Amino acid sequence: QRPKTVLNGGRKRLLTIPSVPHVKDHPLMGIQSKKNFINTNAANVIMGVAKKPQPICVDTRQGNKYLLETSGLVPKYINKKDYGLTPKYVIKRNEEVKRAQEEYDAYVKETLRQKAMKRLSDEERESLLQGLKKNWEEVHHEFQGLSVEIDTLPKKIHKERLESQMKQLEHDINIIEKHKIIYIANK
């Protein structure tokens, strides 16, 4: 036997290959076996377990047939031990979604708690009411000081602005007088 280097997948490997026989070397001759192969094969067939035929399905009168297992007519997956169970990745995903929802709810709750409304005290309410009435009187005094004749566009715009301010102040004063308890949102 002689060693020989062979490239196998880009790598060199050293293989031992049997050497070529010499001219003087002769094979062994005259060795015979006493085994009766015909009887041995017959005994194996008789004693062996019969091979189970593959289930097939015939779908036409001409005898067209195909394997029953690949046809989809045999229940294949319902015999599995994990049939009908929720897969692990779905359970994990649902837990992640639930945890994210809980975190979001906690965040919303915290922000609402921080932005909770505070109640206005009676003294603050009275001072607010007095300040609104004072502002209304100032705007009303300015409105009374307008000229009777409004002939230009700037005069008309100024009058409308003063009227809207007085209307808004009257609305605010009415709301504060009507309600005894007032809540203010924290920003």
N, C-alpha and C. Protein backbone atom coordinates (compact mmCIF):
# COMPACT_ATOMS: atom_id res chain seq x y z
N GLN A 1 0.84 -1.18 0.00
CA GLN A 1 0.00 0.00 0.00
C GLN A 1 0.88 1.23 0.00
N ARG A 2 0.44 2.19 -0.73
CA ARG A 2 1.23 3.42 -0.84
C ARG A 2 0.36 4.62 -0.46
N PRO A 3 0.91 5.61 0.21
CA PRO A 3 0.12 6.80 0.55
C PRO A 3 -0.05 7.71 -0.67
N LYS A 4 -1.19 8.40 -0.71
CA LYS A 4 -1.47 9.30 -1.81
C LYS A 4 -2.20 10.52 -1.26
N THR A 5 -1.83 11.73 -1.67
CA THR A 5 -2.51 12.95 -1.23
C THR A 5 -3.65 13.24 -2.20
N VAL A 6 -4.79 13.54 -1.63
CA VAL A 6 -5.98 13.80 -2.42
C VAL A 6 -6.58 15.12 -1.95
N LEU A 7 -7.02 15.95 -2.90
CA LEU A 7 -7.71 17.19 -2.54
C LEU A 7 -9.18 16.85 -2.29
N ASN A 8 -9.66 17.19 -1.11
CA ASN A 8 -11.05 16.91 -0.76
C ASN A 8 -11.67 18.21 -0.25
N GLY A 9 -12.45 18.85 -1.08
CA GLY A 9 -13.10 20.09 -0.67
C GLY A 9 -12.10 21.20 -0.42
N GLY A 10 -11.02 21.25 -1.16
CA GLY A 10 -10.03 22.30 -1.00
C GLY A 10 -8.99 21.99 0.07
N ARG A 11 -9.12 20.86 0.78
CA ARG A 11 -8.15 20.49 1.81
C ARG A 11 -7.40 19.25 1.36
N LYS A 12 -6.14 19.18 1.70
CA LYS A 12 -5.34 18.00 1.36
C LYS A 12 -5.53 16.94 2.42
N ARG A 13 -5.73 15.71 1.95
CA ARG A 13 -5.84 14.57 2.87
C ARG A 13 -4.92 13.46 2.39
N LEU A 14 -4.41 12.74 3.32
CA LEU A 14 -3.50 11.64 3.00
C LEU A 14 -4.29 10.34 3.05
N LEU A 15 -4.45 9.68 1.93
CA LEU A 15 -5.19 8.44 1.85
C LEU A 15 -4.25 7.29 1.53
N THR A 16 -4.60 6.13 2.04
CA THR A 16 -3.82 4.94 1.70
C THR A 16 -4.62 4.15 0.68
N ILE A 17 -4.05 3.98 -0.48
CA ILE A 17 -4.69 3.26 -1.58
C ILE A 17 -3.95 1.93 -1.74
N PRO A 18 -4.70 0.82 -1.88
CA PRO A 18 -4.00 -0.45 -2.07
C PRO A 18 -3.17 -0.42 -3.35
N SER A 19 -2.04 -1.02 -3.26
CA SER A 19 -1.14 -1.00 -4.41
C SER A 19 -1.63 -1.99 -5.48
N VAL A 20 -1.16 -1.82 -6.66
CA VAL A 20 -1.51 -2.69 -7.78
C VAL A 20 -0.83 -4.05 -7.56
N PRO A 21 -1.56 -5.17 -7.74
CA PRO A 21 -0.94 -6.49 -7.52
C PRO A 21 0.14 -6.78 -8.56
N HIS A 22 1.13 -7.59 -8.14
CA HIS A 22 2.20 -7.98 -9.06
C HIS A 22 1.70 -9.04 -10.03
N VAL A 23 2.45 -9.27 -11.05
CA VAL A 23 2.09 -10.26 -12.05
C VAL A 23 2.13 -11.67 -11.46
N LYS A 24 2.99 -11.91 -10.52
CA LYS A 24 3.15 -13.22 -9.93
C LYS A 24 2.10 -13.52 -8.88
N ASP A 25 1.38 -12.50 -8.41
CA ASP A 25 0.35 -12.72 -7.39
C ASP A 25 -0.89 -13.30 -8.07
N HIS A 26 -1.40 -14.43 -7.52
CA HIS A 26 -2.60 -15.06 -8.04
C HIS A 26 -3.65 -15.09 -6.94
N PRO A 27 -4.95 -14.93 -7.32
CA PRO A 27 -5.99 -15.01 -6.29
C PRO A 27 -6.15 -16.43 -5.79
N LEU A 28 -6.72 -16.55 -4.58
CA LEU A 28 -6.96 -17.86 -4.01
C LEU A 28 -8.03 -18.57 -4.81
N MET A 29 -7.80 -19.78 -5.17
CA MET A 29 -8.72 -20.51 -6.01
C MET A 29 -9.21 -21.76 -5.27
N GLY A 30 -10.37 -22.24 -5.64
CA GLY A 30 -10.87 -23.51 -5.13
C GLY A 30 -11.59 -23.42 -3.81
N ILE A 31 -11.83 -22.24 -3.26
CA ILE A 31 -12.56 -22.12 -1.99
C ILE A 31 -14.03 -22.18 -2.33
N GLN A 32 -14.75 -23.12 -1.75
CA GLN A 32 -16.17 -23.26 -2.01
C GLN A 32 -16.92 -23.27 -0.69
N SER A 33 -18.15 -22.83 -0.78
CA SER A 33 -18.99 -22.77 0.40
C SER A 33 -19.97 -23.92 0.37
N LYS A 34 -20.27 -24.47 1.51
CA LYS A 34 -21.22 -25.57 1.61
C LYS A 34 -22.65 -25.06 1.81
N LYS A 35 -22.83 -23.76 1.84
CA LYS A 35 -24.13 -23.17 2.12
C LYS A 35 -25.04 -23.31 0.91
N ASN A 36 -26.29 -23.76 1.14
CA ASN A 36 -27.28 -23.86 0.08
C ASN A 36 -28.11 -22.58 0.11
N PHE A 37 -27.83 -21.68 -0.80
CA PHE A 37 -28.47 -20.37 -0.79
C PHE A 37 -29.95 -20.45 -1.11
N ILE A 38 -30.36 -21.36 -1.92
CA ILE A 38 -31.77 -21.49 -2.30
C ILE A 38 -32.59 -21.88 -1.08
N ASN A 39 -32.13 -22.92 -0.35
CA ASN A 39 -32.87 -23.35 0.84
C ASN A 39 -32.85 -22.28 1.92
N THR A 40 -31.73 -21.59 2.08
CA THR A 40 -31.62 -20.53 3.10
C THR A 40 -32.58 -19.40 2.79
N ASN A 41 -32.65 -18.99 1.53
CA ASN A 41 -33.57 -17.91 1.15
C ASN A 41 -35.02 -18.35 1.33
N ALA A 42 -35.33 -19.59 0.97
CA ALA A 42 -36.70 -20.09 1.14
C ALA A 42 -37.07 -20.13 2.61
N ALA A 43 -36.16 -20.57 3.47
CA ALA A 43 -36.44 -20.61 4.91
C ALA A 43 -36.63 -19.20 5.47
N ASN A 44 -35.83 -18.26 5.01
CA ASN A 44 -35.99 -16.87 5.48
C ASN A 44 -37.34 -16.29 5.08
N VAL A 45 -37.79 -16.65 3.88
CA VAL A 45 -39.08 -16.14 3.42
C VAL A 45 -40.22 -16.77 4.21
N ILE A 46 -40.11 -18.08 4.46
CA ILE A 46 -41.18 -18.77 5.19
C ILE A 46 -41.24 -18.30 6.63
N MET A 47 -40.10 -18.16 7.28
CA MET A 47 -40.05 -17.80 8.69
C MET A 47 -40.19 -16.29 8.94
N GLY A 48 -39.96 -15.50 7.92
CA GLY A 48 -39.98 -14.04 8.09
C GLY A 48 -41.40 -13.50 8.22
N VAL A 49 -41.48 -12.30 8.76
CA VAL A 49 -42.77 -11.62 8.92
C VAL A 49 -43.13 -10.99 7.58
N ALA A 50 -44.39 -11.14 7.22
CA ALA A 50 -44.84 -10.60 5.94
C ALA A 50 -44.79 -9.08 5.97
N LYS A 51 -44.40 -8.50 4.86
CA LYS A 51 -44.32 -7.06 4.74
C LYS A 51 -45.74 -6.51 4.61
N LYS A 52 -46.05 -5.48 5.39
CA LYS A 52 -47.38 -4.89 5.36
C LYS A 52 -47.51 -4.03 4.11
N PRO A 53 -48.58 -4.21 3.36
CA PRO A 53 -48.72 -3.40 2.14
C PRO A 53 -49.00 -1.94 2.50
N GLN A 54 -48.56 -1.04 1.64
CA GLN A 54 -48.82 0.38 1.86
C GLN A 54 -50.28 0.67 1.56
N PRO A 55 -50.94 1.44 2.43
CA PRO A 55 -52.35 1.77 2.15
C PRO A 55 -52.43 2.71 0.96
N ILE A 56 -53.31 2.36 0.02
CA ILE A 56 -53.48 3.17 -1.18
C ILE A 56 -54.94 3.49 -1.36
N CYS A 57 -55.19 4.48 -2.18
CA CYS A 57 -56.55 4.90 -2.47
C CYS A 57 -56.74 4.83 -3.98
N VAL A 58 -57.81 4.19 -4.42
CA VAL A 58 -58.14 4.09 -5.84
C VAL A 58 -59.27 5.08 -6.09
N ASP A 59 -59.08 5.98 -7.04
CA ASP A 59 -60.07 7.04 -7.21
C ASP A 59 -60.87 6.95 -8.50
N THR A 60 -60.52 6.08 -9.41
CA THR A 60 -61.30 5.96 -10.64
C THR A 60 -61.56 4.49 -10.95
N ARG A 61 -62.45 4.26 -11.93
CA ARG A 61 -62.75 2.87 -12.33
C ARG A 61 -61.58 2.24 -13.04
N GLN A 62 -60.73 3.05 -13.65
CA GLN A 62 -59.59 2.49 -14.37
C GLN A 62 -58.51 2.01 -13.40
N GLY A 63 -58.61 2.35 -12.15
CA GLY A 63 -57.65 1.85 -11.17
C GLY A 63 -56.52 2.81 -10.86
N ASN A 64 -56.70 4.09 -11.14
CA ASN A 64 -55.67 5.07 -10.76
C ASN A 64 -55.57 5.09 -9.25
N LYS A 65 -54.38 4.90 -8.75
CA LYS A 65 -54.22 4.84 -7.30
C LYS A 65 -53.06 5.71 -6.86
N TYR A 66 -53.13 6.12 -5.60
CA TYR A 66 -52.07 6.91 -5.00
C TYR A 66 -52.02 6.58 -3.52
N LEU A 67 -50.89 6.96 -2.89
CA LEU A 67 -50.70 6.63 -1.48
C LEU A 67 -51.73 7.35 -0.62
N LEU A 68 -52.26 6.64 0.35
CA LEU A 68 -53.30 7.19 1.21
C LEU A 68 -52.72 8.21 2.20
N GLU A 69 -51.49 8.00 2.63
CA GLU A 69 -50.90 8.89 3.63
C GLU A 69 -50.68 10.29 3.09
N THR A 70 -50.24 10.41 1.85
CA THR A 70 -49.98 11.73 1.27
C THR A 70 -51.24 12.37 0.68
N SER A 71 -52.35 11.64 0.66
CA SER A 71 -53.57 12.18 0.05
C SER A 71 -54.28 13.17 0.95
N GLY A 72 -54.06 13.11 2.26
CA GLY A 72 -54.75 13.99 3.18
C GLY A 72 -56.01 13.39 3.74
N LEU A 73 -56.32 12.13 3.36
CA LEU A 73 -57.52 11.47 3.84
C LEU A 73 -57.31 10.79 5.19
N VAL A 74 -56.06 10.60 5.57
CA VAL A 74 -55.75 9.94 6.84
C VAL A 74 -55.44 11.03 7.87
N PRO A 75 -56.07 10.98 9.05
CA PRO A 75 -55.75 12.00 10.06
C PRO A 75 -54.32 11.81 10.56
N LYS A 76 -53.46 12.76 10.19
CA LYS A 76 -52.04 12.62 10.49
C LYS A 76 -51.67 13.42 11.74
N TYR A 77 -52.17 14.64 11.84
CA TYR A 77 -51.70 15.54 12.89
C TYR A 77 -52.47 15.38 14.19
N ILE A 78 -53.69 14.87 14.14
CA ILE A 78 -54.44 14.75 15.39
C ILE A 78 -53.90 13.64 16.27
N ASN A 79 -53.03 12.80 15.74
CA ASN A 79 -52.43 11.74 16.55
C ASN A 79 -51.16 12.20 17.25
N LYS A 80 -50.73 13.42 17.00
CA LYS A 80 -49.54 13.93 17.66
C LYS A 80 -49.86 14.24 19.12
N LYS A 81 -48.84 14.14 19.99
CA LYS A 81 -49.08 14.35 21.42
C LYS A 81 -49.32 15.81 21.75
N ASP A 82 -48.82 16.75 20.93
CA ASP A 82 -49.04 18.16 21.22
C ASP A 82 -50.14 18.78 20.35
N TYR A 83 -51.02 17.93 19.81
CA TYR A 83 -52.11 18.43 18.97
C TYR A 83 -53.11 19.20 19.83
N GLY A 84 -53.48 20.38 19.39
CA GLY A 84 -54.47 21.20 20.09
C GLY A 84 -53.89 22.07 21.18
N LEU A 85 -52.60 21.94 21.48
CA LEU A 85 -51.98 22.78 22.51
C LEU A 85 -51.47 24.06 21.87
N THR A 86 -51.51 25.13 22.64
CA THR A 86 -51.02 26.40 22.14
C THR A 86 -49.49 26.35 22.06
N PRO A 87 -48.92 26.74 20.92
CA PRO A 87 -47.46 26.70 20.79
C PRO A 87 -46.78 27.64 21.80
N LYS A 88 -45.54 27.31 22.12
CA LYS A 88 -44.80 28.09 23.12
C LYS A 88 -44.57 29.52 22.67
N TYR A 89 -44.31 29.71 21.36
CA TYR A 89 -44.04 31.06 20.90
C TYR A 89 -45.28 31.95 21.00
N VAL A 90 -46.47 31.36 20.85
CA VAL A 90 -47.69 32.15 20.98
C VAL A 90 -47.91 32.53 22.45
N ILE A 91 -47.65 31.59 23.36
CA ILE A 91 -47.78 31.88 24.79
C ILE A 91 -46.81 32.98 25.19
N LYS A 92 -45.59 32.89 24.70
CA LYS A 92 -44.57 33.90 25.02
C LYS A 92 -44.99 35.26 24.47
N ARG A 93 -45.51 35.29 23.26
CA ARG A 93 -45.94 36.55 22.64
C ARG A 93 -47.10 37.16 23.42
N ASN A 94 -48.06 36.32 23.84
CA ASN A 94 -49.19 36.83 24.62
C ASN A 94 -48.74 37.41 25.95
N GLU A 95 -47.75 36.76 26.59
CA GLU A 95 -47.23 37.29 27.85
C GLU A 95 -46.54 38.63 27.63
N GLU A 96 -45.80 38.77 26.54
CA GLU A 96 -45.14 40.03 26.24
C GLU A 96 -46.17 41.13 26.00
N VAL A 97 -47.22 40.81 25.26
CA VAL A 97 -48.27 41.80 25.00
C VAL A 97 -48.95 42.21 26.30
N LYS A 98 -49.23 41.24 27.17
CA LYS A 98 -49.88 41.53 28.45
C LYS A 98 -48.98 42.40 29.32
N ARG A 99 -47.68 42.08 29.36
CA ARG A 99 -46.75 42.87 30.17
C ARG A 99 -46.64 44.30 29.62
N ALA A 100 -46.60 44.46 28.30
CA ALA A 100 -46.53 45.79 27.69
C ALA A 100 -47.79 46.58 28.01
N GLN A 101 -48.95 45.92 27.98
CA GLN A 101 -50.21 46.60 28.30
C GLN A 101 -50.23 47.05 29.76
N GLU A 102 -49.72 46.20 30.66
CA GLU A 102 -49.66 46.58 32.08
C GLU A 102 -48.73 47.76 32.29
N GLU A 103 -47.58 47.77 31.61
CA GLU A 103 -46.66 48.90 31.71
C GLU A 103 -47.31 50.18 31.20
N TYR A 104 -48.02 50.08 30.08
CA TYR A 104 -48.69 51.26 29.53
C TYR A 104 -49.77 51.76 30.48
N ASP A 105 -50.55 50.84 31.05
CA ASP A 105 -51.59 51.25 32.00
C ASP A 105 -50.98 51.94 33.22
N ALA A 106 -49.85 51.40 33.72
CA ALA A 106 -49.18 52.03 34.86
C ALA A 106 -48.68 53.43 34.49
N TYR A 107 -48.15 53.57 33.28
CA TYR A 107 -47.68 54.88 32.83
C TYR A 107 -48.83 55.88 32.74
N VAL A 108 -49.95 55.44 32.15
CA VAL A 108 -51.11 56.32 32.02
C VAL A 108 -51.63 56.72 33.40
N LYS A 109 -51.70 55.76 34.31
CA LYS A 109 -52.18 56.03 35.67
C LYS A 109 -51.27 57.05 36.37
N GLU A 110 -49.96 56.89 36.19
CA GLU A 110 -49.01 57.82 36.83
C GLU A 110 -49.15 59.22 36.25
N THR A 111 -49.28 59.32 34.92
CA THR A 111 -49.41 60.65 34.31
C THR A 111 -50.73 61.30 34.72
N LEU A 112 -51.79 60.51 34.83
CA LEU A 112 -53.06 61.08 35.28
C LEU A 112 -52.97 61.54 36.73
N ARG A 113 -52.23 60.78 37.54
CA ARG A 113 -52.07 61.18 38.94
C ARG A 113 -51.28 62.48 39.03
N GLN A 114 -50.26 62.62 38.16
CA GLN A 114 -49.47 63.85 38.18
C GLN A 114 -50.28 65.04 37.68
N LYS A 115 -51.17 64.78 36.72
CA LYS A 115 -51.97 65.88 36.16
C LYS A 115 -53.34 65.98 36.83
N ALA A 116 -53.45 65.47 38.04
CA ALA A 116 -54.74 65.48 38.73
C ALA A 116 -55.20 66.91 38.99
N MET A 117 -56.49 67.08 39.10
CA MET A 117 -57.07 68.40 39.30
C MET A 117 -57.02 68.77 40.78
N LYS A 118 -56.80 70.06 41.02
CA LYS A 118 -56.83 70.54 42.41
C LYS A 118 -58.03 71.46 42.60
N ARG A 119 -58.52 71.46 43.81
CA ARG A 119 -59.73 72.24 44.13
C ARG A 119 -59.31 73.67 44.47
N LEU A 120 -60.09 74.61 43.95
CA LEU A 120 -59.85 76.03 44.20
C LEU A 120 -60.48 76.40 45.54
N SER A 121 -59.69 77.04 46.43
CA SER A 121 -60.22 77.42 47.75
C SER A 121 -61.18 78.60 47.60
N ASP A 122 -61.94 78.84 48.66
CA ASP A 122 -62.94 79.92 48.62
C ASP A 122 -62.28 81.29 48.46
N GLU A 123 -61.13 81.49 49.14
CA GLU A 123 -60.45 82.79 49.03
C GLU A 123 -59.94 83.01 47.61
N GLU A 124 -59.36 81.95 47.01
CA GLU A 124 -58.87 82.06 45.63
C GLU A 124 -60.02 82.31 44.67
N ARG A 125 -61.16 81.65 44.93
CA ARG A 125 -62.34 81.83 44.08
C ARG A 125 -62.83 83.27 44.14
N GLU A 126 -62.88 83.82 45.35
CA GLU A 126 -63.35 85.21 45.51
C GLU A 126 -62.38 86.19 44.85
N SER A 127 -61.06 85.96 45.04
CA SER A 127 -60.09 86.87 44.42
C SER A 127 -60.15 86.78 42.89
N LEU A 128 -60.37 85.57 42.38
CA LEU A 128 -60.52 85.40 40.92
C LEU A 128 -61.75 86.12 40.41
N LEU A 129 -62.84 86.01 41.15
CA LEU A 129 -64.09 86.67 40.76
C LEU A 129 -63.92 88.19 40.78
N GLN A 130 -63.25 88.71 41.82
CA GLN A 130 -63.04 90.15 41.90
C GLN A 130 -62.13 90.63 40.75
N GLY A 131 -61.11 89.85 40.42
CA GLY A 131 -60.22 90.21 39.32
C GLY A 131 -60.95 90.23 37.98
N LEU A 132 -61.84 89.25 37.76
CA LEU A 132 -62.62 89.23 36.50
C LEU A 132 -63.56 90.42 36.41
N LYS A 133 -64.18 90.79 37.53
CA LYS A 133 -65.10 91.95 37.53
C LYS A 133 -64.32 93.24 37.28
N LYS A 134 -63.11 93.33 37.85
CA LYS A 134 -62.28 94.52 37.64
C LYS A 134 -61.88 94.62 36.17
N ASN A 135 -61.50 93.48 35.57
CA ASN A 135 -61.15 93.49 34.14
C ASN A 135 -62.35 93.88 33.28
N TRP A 136 -63.53 93.37 33.64
CA TRP A 136 -64.73 93.72 32.87
C TRP A 136 -65.00 95.22 32.95
N GLU A 137 -64.82 95.80 34.16
CA GLU A 137 -65.04 97.24 34.32
C GLU A 137 -64.06 98.05 33.49
N GLU A 138 -62.79 97.61 33.43
CA GLU A 138 -61.80 98.32 32.60
C GLU A 138 -62.16 98.26 31.13
N VAL A 139 -62.54 97.08 30.66
CA VAL A 139 -62.91 96.93 29.25
C VAL A 139 -64.19 97.73 28.96
N HIS A 140 -65.13 97.73 29.91
CA HIS A 140 -66.38 98.47 29.73
C HIS A 140 -66.11 99.97 29.70
N HIS A 141 -65.21 100.46 30.55
CA HIS A 141 -64.84 101.89 30.57
C HIS A 141 -64.22 102.28 29.23
N GLU A 142 -63.34 101.41 28.71
CA GLU A 142 -62.73 101.68 27.40
C GLU A 142 -63.80 101.66 26.31
N PHE A 143 -64.77 100.76 26.41
CA PHE A 143 -65.85 100.67 25.42
C PHE A 143 -66.71 101.93 25.47
N GLN A 144 -66.96 102.44 26.68
CA GLN A 144 -67.77 103.66 26.82
C GLN A 144 -67.03 104.86 26.25
N GLY A 145 -65.70 104.81 26.23
CA GLY A 145 -64.92 105.93 25.72
C GLY A 145 -64.83 105.97 24.21
N LEU A 146 -65.39 104.99 23.53
CA LEU A 146 -65.36 105.00 22.07
C LEU A 146 -66.27 106.10 21.52
N SER A 147 -65.91 106.55 20.34
CA SER A 147 -66.74 107.59 19.72
C SER A 147 -68.06 106.97 19.27
N VAL A 148 -69.07 107.80 19.17
CA VAL A 148 -70.40 107.33 18.79
C VAL A 148 -70.41 106.92 17.32
N GLU A 149 -69.74 107.69 16.54
CA GLU A 149 -69.73 107.43 15.10
C GLU A 149 -68.54 106.54 14.75
N ILE A 150 -68.82 105.36 14.22
CA ILE A 150 -67.76 104.42 13.84
C ILE A 150 -67.74 104.39 12.32
N ASP A 151 -66.80 105.17 11.77
CA ASP A 151 -66.78 105.31 10.33
C ASP A 151 -65.60 104.62 9.66
N THR A 152 -64.59 104.24 10.42
CA THR A 152 -63.43 103.59 9.79
C THR A 152 -63.36 102.12 10.22
N LEU A 153 -62.62 101.36 9.42
CA LEU A 153 -62.48 99.92 9.69
C LEU A 153 -61.73 99.64 11.00
N PRO A 154 -60.62 100.31 11.31
CA PRO A 154 -59.95 100.04 12.59
C PRO A 154 -60.85 100.31 13.80
N LYS A 155 -61.67 101.35 13.74
CA LYS A 155 -62.59 101.64 14.85
C LYS A 155 -63.61 100.51 15.01
N LYS A 156 -64.09 100.01 13.88
CA LYS A 156 -65.07 98.92 13.90
C LYS A 156 -64.44 97.65 14.49
N ILE A 157 -63.23 97.33 14.07
CA ILE A 157 -62.53 96.14 14.58
C ILE A 157 -62.27 96.27 16.08
N HIS A 158 -61.85 97.47 16.52
CA HIS A 158 -61.58 97.70 17.95
C HIS A 158 -62.85 97.53 18.77
N LYS A 159 -63.97 98.06 18.26
CA LYS A 159 -65.26 97.94 18.98
C LYS A 159 -65.66 96.47 19.09
N GLU A 160 -65.54 95.70 17.99
CA GLU A 160 -65.91 94.28 18.01
C GLU A 160 -65.02 93.50 18.98
N ARG A 161 -63.73 93.84 19.02
CA ARG A 161 -62.81 93.16 19.94
C ARG A 161 -63.19 93.44 21.39
N LEU A 162 -63.52 94.67 21.70
CA LEU A 162 -63.93 95.02 23.07
C LEU A 162 -65.24 94.31 23.44
N GLU A 163 -66.18 94.24 22.50
CA GLU A 163 -67.45 93.55 22.76
C GLU A 163 -67.22 92.07 23.04
N SER A 164 -66.35 91.43 22.26
CA SER A 164 -66.09 90.00 22.48
C SER A 164 -65.39 89.77 23.82
N GLN A 165 -64.47 90.69 24.20
CA GLN A 165 -63.81 90.57 25.50
C GLN A 165 -64.81 90.70 26.64
N MET A 166 -65.71 91.66 26.54
CA MET A 166 -66.73 91.85 27.59
C MET A 166 -67.65 90.64 27.66
N LYS A 167 -68.02 90.10 26.52
CA LYS A 167 -68.91 88.93 26.50
C LYS A 167 -68.23 87.72 27.14
N GLN A 168 -66.95 87.52 26.84
CA GLN A 168 -66.21 86.40 27.43
C GLN A 168 -66.06 86.59 28.94
N LEU A 169 -65.75 87.80 29.38
CA LEU A 169 -65.61 88.07 30.82
C LEU A 169 -66.94 87.87 31.54
N GLU A 170 -68.04 88.29 30.93
CA GLU A 170 -69.37 88.08 31.54
C GLU A 170 -69.66 86.58 31.67
N HIS A 171 -69.31 85.82 30.64
CA HIS A 171 -69.54 84.37 30.67
C HIS A 171 -68.73 83.73 31.79
N ASP A 172 -67.45 84.12 31.93
CA ASP A 172 -66.59 83.57 32.98
C ASP A 172 -67.11 83.94 34.37
N ILE A 173 -67.54 85.16 34.53
CA ILE A 173 -68.07 85.61 35.84
C ILE A 173 -69.31 84.81 36.20
N ASN A 174 -70.20 84.60 35.25
CA ASN A 174 -71.43 83.82 35.50
C ASN A 174 -71.11 82.38 35.90
N ILE A 175 -70.14 81.77 35.24
CA ILE A 175 -69.77 80.39 35.56
C ILE A 175 -69.20 80.30 36.98
N ILE A 176 -68.33 81.23 37.35
CA ILE A 176 -67.71 81.19 38.68
C ILE A 176 -68.74 81.47 39.76
N GLU A 177 -69.69 82.38 39.49
CA GLU A 177 -70.73 82.67 40.49
C GLU A 177 -71.70 81.51 40.64
N LYS A 178 -71.96 80.79 39.55
CA LYS A 178 -72.92 79.70 39.59
C LYS A 178 -72.37 78.48 40.35
N HIS A 179 -71.10 78.19 40.22
CA HIS A 179 -70.51 77.00 40.83
C HIS A 179 -69.70 77.37 42.06
N LYS A 180 -69.99 76.69 43.17
CA LYS A 180 -69.28 76.96 44.42
C LYS A 180 -67.93 76.24 44.46
N ILE A 181 -67.88 75.01 43.90
CA ILE A 181 -66.65 74.22 43.91
C ILE A 181 -66.07 74.23 42.50
N ILE A 182 -64.79 74.62 42.41
CA ILE A 182 -64.13 74.71 41.10
C ILE A 182 -62.82 73.93 41.17
N TYR A 183 -62.61 73.11 40.16
CA TYR A 183 -61.38 72.33 40.06
C TYR A 183 -60.53 72.89 38.93
N ILE A 184 -59.21 72.92 39.16
CA ILE A 184 -58.27 73.42 38.15
C ILE A 184 -57.31 72.28 37.82
N ALA A 185 -57.09 72.04 36.53
CA ALA A 185 -56.19 70.97 36.10
C ALA A 185 -54.75 71.44 36.20
N ASN A 186 -53.88 70.57 36.71
CA ASN A 186 -52.43 70.87 36.76
C ASN A 186 -51.84 70.65 35.39
N LYS A 187 -50.99 71.54 34.96
CA LYS A 187 -50.36 71.39 33.63
C LYS A 187 -48.89 71.23 33.76
